[in-house]
Amino acid sequence: MLIDDIATYLAAGGLGAVGVDILKGRMPDQPDNMLVLYPTGGYPPDPVLPDVHLTVQVRVRDKSYSQAHLRIWQAFNLLDRPGNRLVVVDGRKMVVQALQPPFFLEQDGNGRFSFVFNISARTRRD
């Protein structure tokens, strides 16, 4: 699954551990500091090409505004690499591009700060 491969890639880039502070599809109340990947759909399939064009939201939450800001930009810089958009994880090839730069989303009721950005990924079908 695409978000599994992106989670593995971000963990290899030093942003955390999958299942510990890099999560997929849900943001539980704890831990306070985490990165979450949400599959958000994609674009209509190309009638000629076998690949799909999917989208993923990358969200970071942290008790520290500056740490949340730092971590979201680290994820952004790992995933959005102008001039070298090909990312390969466990045999899956993806052409990844951010749809916008990271932005502040909210401060929740527990004082944690969230930043987010979205990516598109052209890749093989699961």
Protein backbone atom coordinates (compact mmCIF):
# COMPACT_ATOMS: atom_id res chain seq x y z
CA MET A 1 0.00 0.00 0.00
CA LEU A 2 1.27 3.47 -0.87
CA ILE A 3 1.14 4.94 2.65
CA ASP A 4 3.04 1.91 3.99
CA ASP A 5 5.87 2.61 1.55
CA ILE A 6 5.88 6.35 2.30
CA ALA A 7 5.96 5.60 6.05
CA THR A 8 8.93 3.28 5.51
CA TYR A 9 10.69 5.94 3.44
CA LEU A 10 10.16 8.66 6.09
CA ALA A 11 11.37 6.32 8.85
CA ALA A 12 14.52 5.55 6.83
CA GLY A 13 14.98 9.32 6.54
CA GLY A 14 15.14 9.61 10.32
CA LEU A 15 11.68 11.00 11.04
CA GLY A 16 10.59 8.31 13.49
CA ALA A 17 9.53 4.71 13.72
CA VAL A 18 6.54 3.25 11.88
CA GLY A 19 3.83 2.28 14.35
CA VAL A 20 5.40 4.35 17.14
CA ASP A 21 5.45 7.99 16.02
CA ILE A 22 4.83 7.52 12.29
CA LEU A 23 1.23 6.36 11.95
CA LYS A 24 -1.11 5.62 9.07
CA GLY A 25 -4.73 6.65 8.71
CA ARG A 26 -5.40 7.77 12.26
CA MET A 27 -4.18 10.27 14.83
CA PRO A 28 -4.74 8.88 18.33
CA ASP A 29 -4.63 11.11 21.41
CA GLN A 30 -1.17 9.80 22.34
CA PRO A 31 1.70 10.20 21.78
CA ASP A 32 1.70 14.00 21.67
CA ASN A 33 4.39 14.11 18.98
CA MET A 34 3.74 12.18 15.77
CA LEU A 35 3.61 12.15 12.00
CA VAL A 36 0.51 10.71 10.36
CA LEU A 37 -0.14 9.75 6.73
CA TYR A 38 -3.69 9.84 5.36
CA PRO A 39 -4.62 8.47 1.93
CA THR A 40 -6.76 11.20 0.38
CA GLY A 41 -7.80 9.79 -2.98
CA GLY A 42 -6.24 10.92 -6.18
CA TYR A 43 -6.89 11.81 -9.79
CA PRO A 44 -8.82 9.95 -12.49
CA PRO A 45 -6.84 7.09 -14.04
CA ASP A 46 -5.20 7.79 -17.37
CA PRO A 47 -6.99 5.66 -19.97
CA VAL A 48 -3.66 4.78 -21.60
CA LEU A 49 -1.26 4.30 -18.67
CA PRO A 50 -1.50 1.44 -16.15
CA ASP A 51 -0.23 3.56 -13.21
CA VAL A 52 -2.38 5.53 -10.77
CA HIS A 53 -2.04 9.11 -9.55
CA LEU A 54 -2.76 9.07 -5.81
CA THR A 55 -2.68 11.75 -3.10
CA VAL A 56 -1.56 11.58 0.52
CA GLN A 57 -1.77 14.08 3.36
CA VAL A 58 1.26 14.35 5.64
CA ARG A 59 0.43 15.76 9.09
CA VAL A 60 2.75 16.44 12.02
CA ARG A 61 1.62 17.14 15.59
CA ASP A 62 3.89 18.23 18.44
CA LYS A 63 3.69 19.96 21.82
CA SER A 64 6.33 22.37 20.50
CA TYR A 65 5.43 24.70 17.64
CA SER A 66 9.06 24.90 16.51
CA GLN A 67 9.53 21.11 16.60
CA ALA A 68 6.32 20.53 14.63
CA HIS A 69 7.46 23.12 12.09
CA LEU A 70 10.91 21.52 11.83
CA ARG A 71 9.57 17.98 11.40
CA ILE A 72 6.98 18.88 8.75
CA TRP A 73 9.69 20.63 6.72
CA GLN A 74 11.98 17.62 7.09
CA ALA A 75 9.20 15.40 5.71
CA PHE A 76 8.51 17.90 2.92
CA ASN A 77 12.18 18.02 1.90
CA LEU A 78 12.43 14.21 1.88
CA LEU A 79 9.35 13.80 -0.29
CA ASP A 80 9.46 16.83 -2.58
CA ARG A 81 12.81 16.78 -4.37
CA PRO A 82 12.86 18.98 -7.47
CA GLY A 83 15.13 17.52 -10.10
CA ASN A 84 14.91 14.01 -8.60
CA ARG A 85 11.25 13.17 -8.00
CA LEU A 86 11.70 9.41 -8.29
CA VAL A 87 11.42 7.68 -4.91
CA VAL A 88 11.96 3.91 -4.69
CA VAL A 89 10.90 1.94 -1.60
CA ASP A 90 10.92 -1.87 -1.45
CA GLY A 91 10.69 -2.07 -5.24
CA ARG A 92 7.86 0.46 -5.56
CA LYS A 93 8.72 3.38 -7.83
CA MET A 94 6.91 6.63 -7.14
CA VAL A 95 7.13 10.04 -8.75
CA VAL A 96 6.33 12.34 -5.83
CA GLN A 97 5.49 16.04 -5.84
CA ALA A 98 4.11 18.27 -3.10
CA LEU A 99 0.82 19.96 -3.91
CA GLN A 100 1.71 22.90 -1.64
CA PRO A 101 4.32 23.78 0.97
CA PRO A 102 3.68 22.89 4.62
CA PHE A 103 1.25 25.12 6.48
CA PHE A 104 -0.03 25.55 10.03
CA LEU A 105 -3.32 23.72 10.54
CA GLU A 106 -4.32 24.14 14.19
CA GLN A 107 -3.51 24.09 17.86
CA ASP A 108 -5.71 21.48 19.51
CA GLY A 109 -7.37 21.55 22.94
CA ASN A 110 -4.29 19.92 24.49
CA GLY A 111 -1.96 22.66 23.25
CA ARG A 112 -0.41 20.58 20.45
CA PHE A 113 0.44 22.19 17.12
CA SER A 114 -0.31 20.60 13.75
CA PHE A 115 1.22 21.32 10.36
CA VAL A 116 0.24 19.64 7.11
CA PHE A 117 0.97 19.33 3.39
CA ASN A 118 -0.29 17.10 0.61
CA ILE A 119 1.58 15.14 -2.03
CA SER A 120 0.71 13.47 -5.28
CA ALA A 121 2.36 10.21 -6.22
CA ARG A 122 2.30 8.49 -9.58
CA THR A 123 2.90 4.80 -8.97
CA ARG A 124 1.80 1.28 -9.81
CA ARG A 125 -1.55 -0.03 -8.71
CA ASP A 126 -1.65 -1.94 -5.41
